[in-house]
Amino acid sequence: QVQLVESGGGLVQAGGSLRLSCAASGNFFSRNNMAWYRQVPGKQRELVAAITSGGSTNYADSVKGRFTISRDNAKNTVYLQMNSLKPEDTGGYYCNARDPRFPILHNYWGQGTQVTVSS
């Protein structure tokens, strides 16, 4: 079982920056693929950025060049550095952990943290 706790959300003006953190419990953080998703009311949750257990990353086209996902396996934490924020980045940001060996059985979500970008 993995528990995820996000932090770092808030209200920021367009052009500003935020850093989200997701702290994970459990002993197998380093083997999990980690990701950040965003959800706005009335829409499906969408992938923002992901990082594999080996450190490979991928990003949604809308955030490439502005957001950076990273992980610190010693601290069981994944980060999302968000720069040059835009109003369309507004939404609930959710941390996801998935064991690639058992992606359906071991698929975990945090409670989310709200990011609001004002124009």
PDB file of N, CA and C in Angstrom:
ATOM      1  N   GLN A   1       0.844  -1.188   0.000  1.00  0.00           N
ATOM      2  CA  GLN A   1       0.000   0.000   0.000  1.00  0.00           C
ATOM      3  C   GLN A   1       0.886   1.247   0.000  1.00  0.00           C
ATOM      4  N   VAL A   2       0.532   2.215  -0.816  1.00  0.00           N
ATOM      5  CA  VAL A   2       1.268   3.471  -0.910  1.00  0.00           C
ATOM      6  C   VAL A   2       0.315   4.614  -0.610  1.00  0.00           C
ATOM      7  N   GLN A   3       0.734   5.523   0.226  1.00  0.00           N
ATOM      8  CA  GLN A   3      -0.037   6.735   0.473  1.00  0.00           C
ATOM      9  C   GLN A   3       0.739   7.927  -0.066  1.00  0.00           C
ATOM     10  N   LEU A   4       0.029   8.815  -0.732  1.00  0.00           N
ATOM     11  CA  LEU A   4       0.643   9.973  -1.370  1.00  0.00           C
ATOM     12  C   LEU A   4       0.042  11.242  -0.794  1.00  0.00           C
ATOM     13  N   VAL A   5       0.894  12.194  -0.440  1.00  0.00           N
ATOM     14  CA  VAL A   5       0.440  13.469   0.117  1.00  0.00           C
ATOM     15  C   VAL A   5       1.077  14.597  -0.679  1.00  0.00           C
ATOM     16  N   GLU A   6       0.210  15.356  -1.372  1.00  0.00           N
ATOM     17  CA  GLU A   6       0.692  16.481  -2.167  1.00  0.00           C
ATOM     18  C   GLU A   6       0.718  17.757  -1.334  1.00  0.00           C
ATOM     19  N   SER A   7       1.585  18.675  -1.734  1.00  0.00           N
ATOM     20  CA  SER A   7       1.646  19.994  -1.115  1.00  0.00           C
ATOM     21  C   SER A   7       2.245  20.960  -2.122  1.00  0.00           C
ATOM     22  N   GLY A   8       2.105  22.258  -1.814  1.00  0.00           N
ATOM     23  CA  GLY A   8       2.745  23.276  -2.646  1.00  0.00           C
ATOM     24  C   GLY A   8       1.815  24.039  -3.562  1.00  0.00           C
ATOM     25  N   GLY A   9       0.553  23.667  -3.610  1.00  0.00           N
ATOM     26  CA  GLY A   9      -0.370  24.402  -4.452  1.00  0.00           C
ATOM     27  C   GLY A   9      -0.687  25.773  -3.863  1.00  0.00           C
ATOM     28  N   GLY A  10      -1.399  26.587  -4.653  1.00  0.00           N
ATOM     29  CA  GLY A  10      -1.774  27.902  -4.162  1.00  0.00           C
ATOM     30  C   GLY A  10      -2.209  28.810  -5.286  1.00  0.00           C
ATOM     31  N   LEU A  11      -2.303  30.076  -4.970  1.00  0.00           N
ATOM     32  CA  LEU A  11      -2.706  31.110  -5.924  1.00  0.00           C
ATOM     33  C   LEU A  11      -1.466  31.877  -6.361  1.00  0.00           C
ATOM     34  N   VAL A  12      -1.300  32.014  -7.667  1.00  0.00           N
ATOM     35  CA  VAL A  12      -0.138  32.712  -8.197  1.00  0.00           C
ATOM     36  C   VAL A  12      -0.552  33.499  -9.423  1.00  0.00           C
ATOM     37  N   GLN A  13       0.133  34.590  -9.683  1.00  0.00           N
ATOM     38  CA  GLN A  13      -0.155  35.383 -10.876  1.00  0.00           C
ATOM     39  C   GLN A  13       0.474  34.732 -12.106  1.00  0.00           C
ATOM     40  N   ALA A  14      -0.112  35.005 -13.243  1.00  0.00           N
ATOM     41  CA  ALA A  14       0.448  34.507 -14.497  1.00  0.00           C
ATOM     42  C   ALA A  14       1.908  34.942 -14.620  1.00  0.00           C
ATOM     43  N   GLY A  15       2.731  34.004 -15.071  1.00  0.00           N
ATOM     44  CA  GLY A  15       4.162  34.255 -15.176  1.00  0.00           C
ATOM     45  C   GLY A  15       4.950  33.818 -13.957  1.00  0.00           C
ATOM     46  N   GLY A  16       4.255  33.506 -12.885  1.00  0.00           N
ATOM     47  CA  GLY A  16       4.908  33.087 -11.656  1.00  0.00           C
ATOM     48  C   GLY A  16       5.263  31.612 -11.651  1.00  0.00           C
ATOM     49  N   SER A  17       5.745  31.163 -10.501  1.00  0.00           N
ATOM     50  CA  SER A  17       6.210  29.786 -10.355  1.00  0.00           C
ATOM     51  C   SER A  17       5.654  29.161  -9.080  1.00  0.00           C
ATOM     52  N   LEU A  18       5.521  27.856  -9.127  1.00  0.00           N
ATOM     53  CA  LEU A  18       5.182  27.054  -7.957  1.00  0.00           C
ATOM     54  C   LEU A  18       5.946  25.745  -8.038  1.00  0.00           C
ATOM     55  N   ARG A  19       6.205  25.155  -6.894  1.00  0.00           N
ATOM     56  CA  ARG A  19       6.773  23.813  -6.867  1.00  0.00           C
ATOM     57  C   ARG A  19       5.873  22.905  -6.037  1.00  0.00           C
ATOM     58  N   LEU A  20       5.364  21.900  -6.686  1.00  0.00           N
ATOM     59  CA  LEU A  20       4.542  20.906  -6.006  1.00  0.00           C
ATOM     60  C   LEU A  20       5.420  19.767  -5.522  1.00  0.00           C
ATOM     61  N   SER A  21       5.048  19.223  -4.371  1.00  0.00           N
ATOM     62  CA  SER A  21       5.738  18.062  -3.821  1.00  0.00           C
ATOM     63  C   SER A  21       4.729  16.957  -3.557  1.00  0.00           C
ATOM     64  N   CYS A  22       5.178  15.736  -3.682  1.00  0.00           N
ATOM     65  CA  CYS A  22       4.346  14.577  -3.387  1.00  0.00           C
ATOM     66  C   CYS A  22       5.198  13.601  -2.583  1.00  0.00           C
ATOM     67  N   ALA A  23       4.848  13.465  -1.311  1.00  0.00           N
ATOM     68  CA  ALA A  23       5.577  12.559  -0.431  1.00  0.00           C
ATOM     69  C   ALA A  23       4.860  11.219  -0.371  1.00  0.00           C
ATOM     70  N   ALA A  24       5.616  10.152  -0.565  1.00  0.00           N
ATOM     71  CA  ALA A  24       5.032   8.818  -0.609  1.00  0.00           C
ATOM     72  C   ALA A  24       5.471   7.992   0.588  1.00  0.00           C
ATOM     73  N   SER A  25       4.541   7.235   1.111  1.00  0.00           N
ATOM     74  CA  SER A  25       4.882   6.272   2.161  1.00  0.00           C
ATOM     75  C   SER A  25       5.235   4.949   1.498  1.00  0.00           C
ATOM     76  N   GLY A  26       5.720   4.015   2.283  1.00  0.00           N
ATOM     77  CA  GLY A  26       6.002   2.698   1.723  1.00  0.00           C
ATOM     78  C   GLY A  26       7.466   2.507   1.422  1.00  0.00           C
ATOM     79  N   ASN A  27       7.821   1.263   1.156  1.00  0.00           N
ATOM     80  CA  ASN A  27       9.222   0.897   1.012  1.00  0.00           C
ATOM     81  C   ASN A  27       9.682   0.760  -0.425  1.00  0.00           C
ATOM     82  N   PHE A  28       8.791   0.924  -1.377  1.00  0.00           N
ATOM     83  CA  PHE A  28       9.137   0.600  -2.756  1.00  0.00           C
ATOM     84  C   PHE A  28       8.974   1.792  -3.685  1.00  0.00           C
ATOM     85  N   PHE A  29       9.202   2.983  -3.146  1.00  0.00           N
ATOM     86  CA  PHE A  29       9.024   4.188  -3.947  1.00  0.00           C
ATOM     87  C   PHE A  29       9.895   4.149  -5.193  1.00  0.00           C
ATOM     88  N   SER A  30      11.135   3.726  -5.050  1.00  0.00           N
ATOM     89  CA  SER A  30      12.085   3.835  -6.154  1.00  0.00           C
ATOM     90  C   SER A  30      11.681   2.988  -7.359  1.00  0.00           C
ATOM     91  N   ARG A  31      10.886   1.970  -7.175  1.00  0.00           N
ATOM     92  CA  ARG A  31      10.508   1.127  -8.308  1.00  0.00           C
ATOM     93  C   ARG A  31       9.222   1.607  -8.993  1.00  0.00           C
ATOM     94  N   ASN A  32       8.567   2.588  -8.385  1.00  0.00           N
ATOM     95  CA  ASN A  32       7.319   3.087  -8.959  1.00  0.00           C
ATOM     96  C   ASN A  32       7.561   4.146 -10.016  1.00  0.00           C
ATOM     97  N   ASN A  33       6.755   4.085 -11.086  1.00  0.00           N
ATOM     98  CA  ASN A  33       6.655   5.221 -11.982  1.00  0.00           C
ATOM     99  C   ASN A  33       5.755   6.256 -11.313  1.00  0.00           C
ATOM    100  N   MET A  34       6.144   7.519 -11.424  1.00  0.00           N
ATOM    101  CA  MET A  34       5.410   8.592 -10.766  1.00  0.00           C
ATOM    102  C   MET A  34       4.918   9.590 -11.801  1.00  0.00           C
ATOM    103  N   ALA A  35       3.812  10.240 -11.493  1.00  0.00           N
ATOM    104  CA  ALA A  35       3.263  11.190 -12.456  1.00  0.00           C
ATOM    105  C   ALA A  35       2.439  12.245 -11.736  1.00  0.00           C
ATOM    106  N   TRP A  36       2.266  13.347 -12.436  1.00  0.00           N
ATOM    107  CA  TRP A  36       1.346  14.413 -12.005  1.00  0.00           C
ATOM    108  C   TRP A  36       0.252  14.530 -13.065  1.00  0.00           C
ATOM    109  N   TYR A  37      -0.982  14.614 -12.568  1.00  0.00           N
ATOM    110  CA  TYR A  37      -2.139  14.813 -13.420  1.00  0.00           C
ATOM    111  C   TYR A  37      -2.845  16.096 -13.002  1.00  0.00           C
ATOM    112  N   ARG A  38      -3.586  16.652 -13.918  1.00  0.00           N
ATOM    113  CA  ARG A  38      -4.378  17.863 -13.647  1.00  0.00           C
ATOM    114  C   ARG A  38      -5.837  17.585 -14.019  1.00  0.00           C
ATOM    115  N   GLN A  39      -6.717  18.140 -13.202  1.00  0.00           N
ATOM    116  CA  GLN A  39      -8.142  17.998 -13.475  1.00  0.00           C
ATOM    117  C   GLN A  39      -8.861  19.309 -13.213  1.00  0.00           C
ATOM    118  N   VAL A  40      -9.708  19.688 -14.140  1.00  0.00           N
ATOM    119  CA  VAL A  40     -10.573  20.847 -13.951  1.00  0.00           C
ATOM    120  C   VAL A  40     -12.009  20.359 -13.973  1.00  0.00           C
ATOM    121  N   PRO A  41     -12.913  21.093 -13.341  1.00  0.00           N
ATOM    122  CA  PRO A  41     -14.304  20.646 -13.263  1.00  0.00           C
ATOM    123  C   PRO A  41     -14.884  20.377 -14.645  1.00  0.00           C
ATOM    124  N   GLY A  42     -15.545  19.234 -14.756  1.00  0.00           N
ATOM    125  CA  GLY A  42     -16.213  18.895 -15.996  1.00  0.00           C
ATOM    126  C   GLY A  42     -15.333  18.235 -17.034  1.00  0.00           C
ATOM    127  N   LYS A  43     -14.052  18.058 -16.707  1.00  0.00           N
ATOM    128  CA  LYS A  43     -13.134  17.443 -17.658  1.00  0.00           C
ATOM    129  C   LYS A  43     -12.436  16.256 -17.033  1.00  0.00           C
ATOM    130  N   GLN A  44     -11.932  15.390 -17.897  1.00  0.00           N
ATOM    131  CA  GLN A  44     -11.192  14.233 -17.409  1.00  0.00           C
ATOM    132  C   GLN A  44      -9.828  14.654 -16.885  1.00  0.00           C
ATOM    133  N   ARG A  45      -9.335  13.842 -15.981  1.00  0.00           N
ATOM    134  CA  ARG A  45      -7.987  14.057 -15.470  1.00  0.00           C
ATOM    135  C   ARG A  45      -6.999  13.816 -16.611  1.00  0.00           C
ATOM    136  N   GLU A  46      -6.037  14.729 -16.757  1.00  0.00           N
ATOM    137  CA  GLU A  46      -5.090  14.604 -17.854  1.00  0.00           C
ATOM    138  C   GLU A  46      -3.654  14.572 -17.327  1.00  0.00           C
ATOM    139  N   LEU A  47      -2.820  13.830 -18.037  1.00  0.00           N
ATOM    140  CA  LEU A  47      -1.425  13.715 -17.645  1.00  0.00           C
ATOM    141  C   LEU A  47      -0.697  15.025 -17.911  1.00  0.00           C
ATOM    142  N   VAL A  48       0.048  15.483 -16.908  1.00  0.00           N
ATOM    143  CA  VAL A  48       0.871  16.685 -17.048  1.00  0.00           C
ATOM    144  C   VAL A  48       2.338  16.296 -17.263  1.00  0.00           C
ATOM    145  N   ALA A  49       2.851  15.417 -16.398  1.00  0.00           N
ATOM    146  CA  ALA A  49       4.250  15.012 -16.484  1.00  0.00           C
ATOM    147  C   ALA A  49       4.413  13.671 -15.790  1.00  0.00           C
ATOM    148  N   ALA A  50       5.380  12.896 -16.258  1.00  0.00           N
ATOM    149  CA  ALA A  50       5.631  11.582 -15.685  1.00  0.00           C
ATOM    150  C   ALA A  50       7.123  11.319 -15.642  1.00  0.00           C
ATOM    151  N   ILE A  51       7.518  10.492 -14.673  1.00  0.00           N
ATOM    152  CA  ILE A  51       8.915  10.095 -14.550  1.00  0.00           C
ATOM    153  C   ILE A  51       8.944   8.622 -14.174  1.00  0.00           C
ATOM    154  N   THR A  52       9.775   7.864 -14.889  1.00  0.00           N
ATOM    155  CA  THR A  52       9.851   6.441 -14.618  1.00  0.00           C
ATOM    156  C   THR A  52      10.782   6.169 -13.443  1.00  0.00           C
ATOM    157  N   SER A  53      10.816   4.909 -13.030  1.00  0.00           N
ATOM    158  CA  SER A  53      11.733   4.532 -11.968  1.00  0.00           C
ATOM    159  C   SER A  53      13.180   4.769 -12.390  1.00  0.00           C
ATOM    160  N   GLY A  54      13.447   4.722 -13.682  1.00  0.00           N
ATOM    161  CA  GLY A  54      14.795   4.953 -14.190  1.00  0.00           C
ATOM    162  C   GLY A  54      15.124   6.407 -14.462  1.00  0.00           C
ATOM    163  N   GLY A  55      14.144   7.279 -14.293  1.00  0.00           N
ATOM    164  CA  GLY A  55      14.390   8.713 -14.456  1.00  0.00           C
ATOM    165  C   GLY A  55      13.995   9.296 -15.797  1.00  0.00           C
ATOM    166  N   SER A  56      13.446   8.492 -16.690  1.00  0.00           N
ATOM    167  CA  SER A  56      12.971   9.033 -17.959  1.00  0.00           C
ATOM    168  C   SER A  56      11.703   9.844 -17.730  1.00  0.00           C
ATOM    169  N   THR A  57      11.591  10.946 -18.462  1.00  0.00           N
ATOM    170  CA  THR A  57      10.461  11.847 -18.261  1.00  0.00           C
ATOM    171  C   THR A  57       9.687  12.070 -19.558  1.00  0.00           C
ATOM    172  N   ASN A  58       8.426  12.402 -19.404  1.00  0.00           N
ATOM    173  CA  ASN A  58       7.646  12.891 -20.536  1.00  0.00           C
ATOM    174  C   ASN A  58       6.635  13.910 -20.031  1.00  0.00           C
ATOM    175  N   TYR A  59       6.242  14.800 -20.939  1.00  0.00           N
ATOM    176  CA  TYR A  59       5.406  15.941 -20.582  1.00  0.00           C
ATOM    177  C   TYR A  59       4.277  16.127 -21.583  1.00  0.00           C
ATOM    178  N   ALA A  60       3.188  16.689 -21.090  1.00  0.00           N
ATOM    179  CA  ALA A  60       2.140  17.142 -21.991  1.00  0.00           C
ATOM    180  C   ALA A  60       2.702  18.276 -22.840  1.00  0.00           C
ATOM    181  N   ASP A  61       2.265  18.354 -24.081  1.00  0.00           N
ATOM    182  CA  ASP A  61       2.781  19.395 -24.979  1.00  0.00           C
ATOM    183  C   ASP A  61       2.574  20.790 -24.396  1.00  0.00           C
ATOM    184  N   SER A  62       1.496  20.969 -23.664  1.00  0.00           N
ATOM    185  CA  SER A  62       1.147  22.292 -23.155  1.00  0.00           C
ATOM    186  C   SER A  62       2.092  22.798 -22.070  1.00  0.00           C
ATOM    187  N   VAL A  63       2.882  21.898 -21.487  1.00  0.00           N
ATOM    188  CA  VAL A  63       3.768  22.314 -20.391  1.00  0.00           C
ATOM    189  C   VAL A  63       5.240  22.133 -20.723  1.00  0.00           C
ATOM    190  N   LYS A  64       5.558  21.580 -21.874  1.00  0.00           N
ATOM    191  CA  LYS A  64       6.952  21.369 -22.246  1.00  0.00           C
ATOM    192  C   LYS A  64       7.712  22.691 -22.235  1.00  0.00           C
ATOM    193  N   GLY A  65       8.896  22.643 -21.627  1.00  0.00           N
ATOM    194  CA  GLY A  65       9.715  23.846 -21.543  1.00  0.00           C
ATOM    195  C   GLY A  65       9.391  24.736 -20.361  1.00  0.00           C
ATOM    196  N   ARG A  66       8.275  24.461 -19.672  1.00  0.00           N
ATOM    197  CA  ARG A  66       7.883  25.283 -18.517  1.00  0.00           C
ATOM    198  C   ARG A  66       7.874  24.474 -17.216  1.00  0.00           C
ATOM    199  N   PHE A  67       7.506  23.221 -17.296  1.00  0.00           N
ATOM    200  CA  PHE A  67       7.412  22.369 -16.108  1.00  0.00           C
ATOM    201  C   PHE A  67       8.541  21.345 -16.115  1.00  0.00           C
ATOM    202  N   THR A  68       8.984  20.979 -14.916  1.00  0.00           N
ATOM    203  CA  THR A  68      10.007  19.950 -14.763  1.00  0.00           C
ATOM    204  C   THR A  68       9.608  18.994 -13.651  1.00  0.00           C
ATOM    205  N   ILE A  69       9.564  17.711 -13.970  1.00  0.00           N
ATOM    206  CA  ILE A  69       9.287  16.699 -12.961  1.00  0.00           C
ATOM    207  C   ILE A  69      10.613  16.081 -12.538  1.00  0.00           C
ATOM    208  N   SER A  70      10.728  15.819 -11.247  1.00  0.00           N
ATOM    209  CA  SER A  70      11.939  15.189 -10.729  1.00  0.00           C
ATOM    210  C   SER A  70      11.555  14.332  -9.532  1.00  0.00           C
ATOM    211  N   ARG A  71      12.493  13.478  -9.128  1.00  0.00           N
ATOM    212  CA  ARG A  71      12.223  12.620  -7.981  1.00  0.00           C
ATOM    213  C   ARG A  71      13.467  12.495  -7.130  1.00  0.00           C
ATOM    214  N   ASP A  72      13.246  12.325  -5.840  1.00  0.00           N
ATOM    215  CA  ASP A  72      14.320  12.087  -4.891  1.00  0.00           C
ATOM    216  C   ASP A  72      13.977  10.789  -4.172  1.00  0.00           C
ATOM    217  N   ASN A  73      14.599   9.719  -4.605  1.00  0.00           N
ATOM    218  CA  ASN A  73      14.253   8.416  -4.035  1.00  0.00           C
ATOM    219  C   ASN A  73      14.652   8.296  -2.569  1.00  0.00           C
ATOM    220  N   ALA A  74      15.664   9.032  -2.155  1.00  0.00           N
ATOM    221  CA  ALA A  74      16.075   8.996  -0.744  1.00  0.00           C
ATOM    222  C   ALA A  74      15.020   9.614   0.159  1.00  0.00           C
ATOM    223  N   LYS A  75      14.246  10.542  -0.399  1.00  0.00           N
ATOM    224  CA  LYS A  75      13.204  11.216   0.379  1.00  0.00           C
ATOM    225  C   LYS A  75      11.807  10.711   0.021  1.00  0.00           C
ATOM    226  N   ASN A  76      11.708   9.726  -0.864  1.00  0.00           N
ATOM    227  CA  ASN A  76      10.403   9.211  -1.288  1.00  0.00           C
ATOM    228  C   ASN A  76       9.489  10.340  -1.772  1.00  0.00           C
ATOM    229  N   THR A  77      10.046  11.234  -2.545  1.00  0.00           N
ATOM    230  CA  THR A  77       9.303  12.424  -2.952  1.00  0.00           C
ATOM    231  C   THR A  77       9.484  12.687  -4.442  1.00  0.00           C
ATOM    232  N   VAL A  78       8.397  13.113  -5.068  1.00  0.00           N
ATOM    233  CA  VAL A  78       8.449  13.558  -6.462  1.00  0.00           C
ATOM    234  C   VAL A  78       8.015  15.019  -6.485  1.00  0.00           C
ATOM    235  N   TYR A  79       8.622  15.777  -7.376  1.00  0.00           N
ATOM    236  CA  TYR A  79       8.370  17.215  -7.450  1.00  0.00           C
ATOM    237  C   TYR A  79       7.864  17.597  -8.844  1.00  0.00           C
ATOM    238  N   LEU A  80       7.159  18.716  -8.872  1.00  0.00           N
ATOM    239  CA  LEU A  80       6.794  19.316 -10.145  1.00  0.00           C
ATOM    240  C   LEU A  80       7.101  20.806 -10.037  1.00  0.00           C
ATOM    241  N   GLN A  81       8.162  21.226 -10.707  1.00  0.00           N
ATOM    242  CA  GLN A  81       8.505  22.642 -10.772  1.00  0.00           C
ATOM    243  C   GLN A  81       7.748  23.263 -11.930  1.00  0.00           C
ATOM    244  N   MET A  82       6.954  24.261 -11.624  1.00  0.00           N
ATOM    245  CA  MET A  82       6.115  24.897 -12.635  1.00  0.00           C
ATOM    246  C   MET A  82       6.523  26.351 -12.784  1.00  0.00           C
ATOM    247  N   ASN A  83       7.022  26.699 -13.941  1.00  0.00           N
ATOM    248  CA  ASN A  83       7.450  28.063 -14.232  1.00  0.00           C
ATOM    249  C   ASN A  83       6.586  28.663 -15.334  1.00  0.00           C
ATOM    250  N   SER A  84       6.648  29.971 -15.440  1.00  0.00           N
ATOM    251  CA  SER A  84       5.898  30.687 -16.481  1.00  0.00           C
ATOM    252  C   SER A  84       4.444  30.230 -16.507  1.00  0.00           C
ATOM    253  N   LEU A  85       3.839  30.221 -15.353  1.00  0.00           N
ATOM    254  CA  LEU A  85       2.474  29.695 -15.238  1.00  0.00           C
ATOM    255  C   LEU A  85       1.475  30.547 -16.013  1.00  0.00           C
ATOM    256  N   LYS A  86       0.471  29.863 -16.547  1.00  0.00           N
ATOM    257  CA  LYS A  86      -0.579  30.499 -17.338  1.00  0.00           C
ATOM    258  C   LYS A  86      -1.934  30.209 -16.683  1.00  0.00           C
ATOM    259  N   PRO A  87      -2.919  31.041 -16.914  1.00  0.00           N
ATOM    260  CA  PRO A  87      -4.249  30.772 -16.344  1.00  0.00           C
ATOM    261  C   PRO A  87      -4.773  29.382 -16.711  1.00  0.00           C
ATOM    262  N   GLU A  88      -4.445  28.893 -17.884  1.00  0.00           N
ATOM    263  CA  GLU A  88      -4.931  27.571 -18.294  1.00  0.00           C
ATOM    264  C   GLU A  88      -4.245  26.430 -17.540  1.00  0.00           C
ATOM    265  N   ASP A  89      -3.236  26.726 -16.730  1.00  0.00           N
ATOM    266  CA  ASP A  89      -2.631  25.708 -15.867  1.00  0.00           C
ATOM    267  C   ASP A  89      -3.450  25.484 -14.602  1.00  0.00           C
ATOM    268  N   THR A  90      -4.453  26.307 -14.386  1.00  0.00           N
ATOM    269  CA  THR A  90      -5.295  26.196 -13.203  1.00  0.00           C
ATOM    270  C   THR A  90      -5.985  24.840 -13.143  1.00  0.00           C
ATOM    271  N   GLY A  91      -6.021  24.256 -11.944  1.00  0.00           N
ATOM    272  CA  GLY A  91      -6.706  22.988 -11.758  1.00  0.00           C
ATOM    273  C   GLY A  91      -6.241  22.291 -10.500  1.00  0.00           C
ATOM    274  N   GLY A  92      -6.851  21.149 -10.237  1.00  0.00           N
ATOM    275  CA  GLY A  92      -6.386  20.295  -9.162  1.00  0.00           C
ATOM    276  C   GLY A  92      -5.265  19.416  -9.691  1.00  0.00           C
ATOM    277  N   TYR A  93      -4.178  19.360  -8.958  1.00  0.00           N
ATOM    278  CA  TYR A  93      -3.018  18.563  -9.389  1.00  0.00           C
ATOM    279  C   TYR A  93      -2.923  17.336  -8.488  1.00  0.00           C
ATOM    280  N   TYR A  94      -2.855  16.184  -9.117  1.00  0.00           N
ATOM    281  CA  TYR A  94      -2.882  14.912  -8.406  1.00  0.00           C
ATOM    282  C   TYR A  94      -1.615  14.116  -8.698  1.00  0.00           C
ATOM    283  N   CYS A  95      -1.059  13.584  -7.644  1.00  0.00           N
ATOM    284  CA  CYS A  95       0.120  12.735  -7.750  1.00  0.00           C
ATOM    285  C   CYS A  95      -0.335  11.285  -7.949  1.00  0.00           C
ATOM    286  N   ASN A  96       0.393  10.576  -8.794  1.00  0.00           N
ATOM    287  CA  ASN A  96       0.066   9.172  -9.081  1.00  0.00           C
ATOM    288  C   ASN A  96       1.328   8.322  -8.969  1.00  0.00           C
ATOM    289  N   ALA A  97       1.173   7.172  -8.343  1.00  0.00           N
ATOM    290  CA  ALA A  97       2.257   6.195  -8.264  1.00  0.00           C
ATOM    291  C   ALA A  97       1.765   4.877  -8.841  1.00  0.00           C
ATOM    292  N   ARG A  98       2.574   4.288  -9.675  1.00  0.00           N
ATOM    293  CA  ARG A  98       2.161   3.039 -10.318  1.00  0.00           C
ATOM    294  C   ARG A  98       3.363   2.100 -10.416  1.00  0.00           C
ATOM    295  N   ASP A  99       3.154   0.890  -9.918  1.00  0.00           N
ATOM    296  CA  ASP A  99       4.182  -0.133 -10.033  1.00  0.00           C
ATOM    297  C   ASP A  99       4.112  -0.716 -11.442  1.00  0.00           C
ATOM    298  N   PRO A 100       5.138  -0.565 -12.264  1.00  0.00           N
ATOM    299  CA  PRO A 100       5.073  -1.041 -13.653  1.00  0.00           C
ATOM    300  C   PRO A 100       4.897  -2.550 -13.769  1.00  0.00           C
ATOM    301  N   ARG A 101       5.222  -3.279 -12.712  1.00  0.00           N
ATOM    302  CA  ARG A 101       5.033  -4.736 -12.761  1.00  0.00           C
ATOM    303  C   ARG A 101       3.558  -5.100 -12.556  1.00  0.00           C
ATOM    304  N   PHE A 102       2.847  -4.279 -11.819  1.00  0.00           N
ATOM    305  CA  PHE A 102       1.430  -4.535 -11.516  1.00  0.00           C
ATOM    306  C   PHE A 102       0.663  -3.215 -11.626  1.00  0.00           C
ATOM    307  N   PRO A 103       0.542  -2.659 -12.838  1.00  0.00           N
ATOM    308  CA  PRO A 103       0.007  -1.298 -12.995  1.00  0.00           C
ATOM    309  C   PRO A 103      -1.462  -1.146 -12.638  1.00  0.00           C
ATOM    310  N   ILE A 104      -2.205  -2.219 -12.638  1.00  0.00           N
ATOM    311  CA  ILE A 104      -3.621  -2.110 -12.264  1.00  0.00           C
ATOM    312  C   ILE A 104      -3.790  -2.325 -10.771  1.00  0.00           C
ATOM    313  N   LEU A 105      -3.109  -3.322 -10.259  1.00  0.00           N
ATOM    314  CA  LEU A 105      -3.232  -3.646  -8.842  1.00  0.00           C
ATOM    315  C   LEU A 105      -2.599  -2.566  -7.972  1.00  0.00           C
ATOM    316  N   HIS A 106      -1.457  -2.085  -8.363  1.00  0.00           N
ATOM    317  CA  HIS A 106      -0.723  -1.096  -7.571  1.00  0.00           C
ATOM    318  C   HIS A 106      -0.704   0.238  -8.306  1.00  0.00           C
ATOM    319  N   ASN A 107      -1.800   0.932  -8.192  1.00  0.00           N
ATOM    320  CA  ASN A 107      -2.001   2.238  -8.829  1.00  0.00           C
ATOM    321  C   ASN A 107      -2.612   3.148  -7.780  1.00  0.00           C
ATOM    322  N   TYR A 108      -1.864   4.178  -7.351  1.00  0.00           N
ATOM    323  CA  TYR A 108      -2.274   4.978  -6.198  1.00  0.00           C
ATOM    324  C   TYR A 108      -2.365   6.464  -6.557  1.00  0.00           C
ATOM    325  N   TRP A 109      -3.276   7.146  -5.840  1.00  0.00           N
ATOM    326  CA  TRP A 109      -3.505   8.575  -6.061  1.00  0.00           C
ATOM    327  C   TRP A 109      -3.439   9.332  -4.739  1.00  0.00           C
ATOM    328  N   GLY A 110      -2.951  10.572  -4.828  1.00  0.00           N
ATOM    329  CA  GLY A 110      -3.035  11.461  -3.695  1.00  0.00           C
ATOM    330  C   GLY A 110      -4.370  12.188  -3.681  1.00  0.00           C
ATOM    331  N   GLN A 111      -4.548  13.044  -2.686  1.00  0.00           N
ATOM    332  CA  GLN A 111      -5.827  13.742  -2.519  1.00  0.00           C
ATOM    333  C   GLN A 111      -5.900  15.006  -3.377  1.00  0.00           C
ATOM    334  N   GLY A 112      -4.773  15.429  -3.924  1.00  0.00           N
ATOM    335  CA  GLY A 112      -4.758  16.579  -4.809  1.00  0.00           C
ATOM    336  C   GLY A 112      -4.412  17.873  -4.110  1.00  0.00           C
ATOM    337  N   THR A 113      -3.870  18.802  -4.880  1.00  0.00           N
ATOM    338  CA  THR A 113      -3.592  20.146  -4.391  1.00  0.00           C
ATOM    339  C   THR A 113      -4.004  21.135  -5.480  1.00  0.00           C
ATOM    340  N   GLN A 114      -4.654  22.212  -5.064  1.00  0.00           N
ATOM    341  CA  GLN A 114      -5.212  23.164  -6.024  1.00  0.00           C
ATOM    342  C   GLN A 114      -4.176  24.193  -6.449  1.00  0.00           C
ATOM    343  N   VAL A 115      -4.106  24.416  -7.749  1.00  0.00           N
ATOM    344  CA  VAL A 115      -3.278  25.478  -8.308  1.00  0.00           C
ATOM    345  C   VAL A 115      -4.197  26.437  -9.058  1.00  0.00           C
ATOM    346  N   THR A 116      -4.120  27.700  -8.699  1.00  0.00           N
ATOM    347  CA  THR A 116      -4.918  28.721  -9.362  1.00  0.00           C
ATOM    348  C   THR A 116      -3.988  29.810  -9.880  1.00  0.00           C
ATOM    349  N   VAL A 117      -4.063  30.050 -11.180  1.00  0.00           N
ATOM    350  CA  VAL A 117      -3.215  31.060 -11.809  1.00  0.00           C
ATOM    351  C   VAL A 117      -4.108  32.200 -12.281  1.00  0.00           C
ATOM    352  N   SER A 118      -3.891  33.372 -11.748  1.00  0.00           N
ATOM    353  CA  SER A 118      -4.707  34.534 -12.102  1.00  0.00           C
ATOM    354  C   SER A 118      -4.050  35.298 -13.250  1.00  0.00           C
ATOM    355  N   SER A 119      -4.915  35.888 -14.065  1.00  0.00           N
ATOM    356  CA  SER A 119      -4.398  36.629 -15.234  1.00  0.00           C
ATOM    357  C   SER A 119      -4.118  38.078 -14.880  1.00  0.00           C
TER     358      SER A 119
END
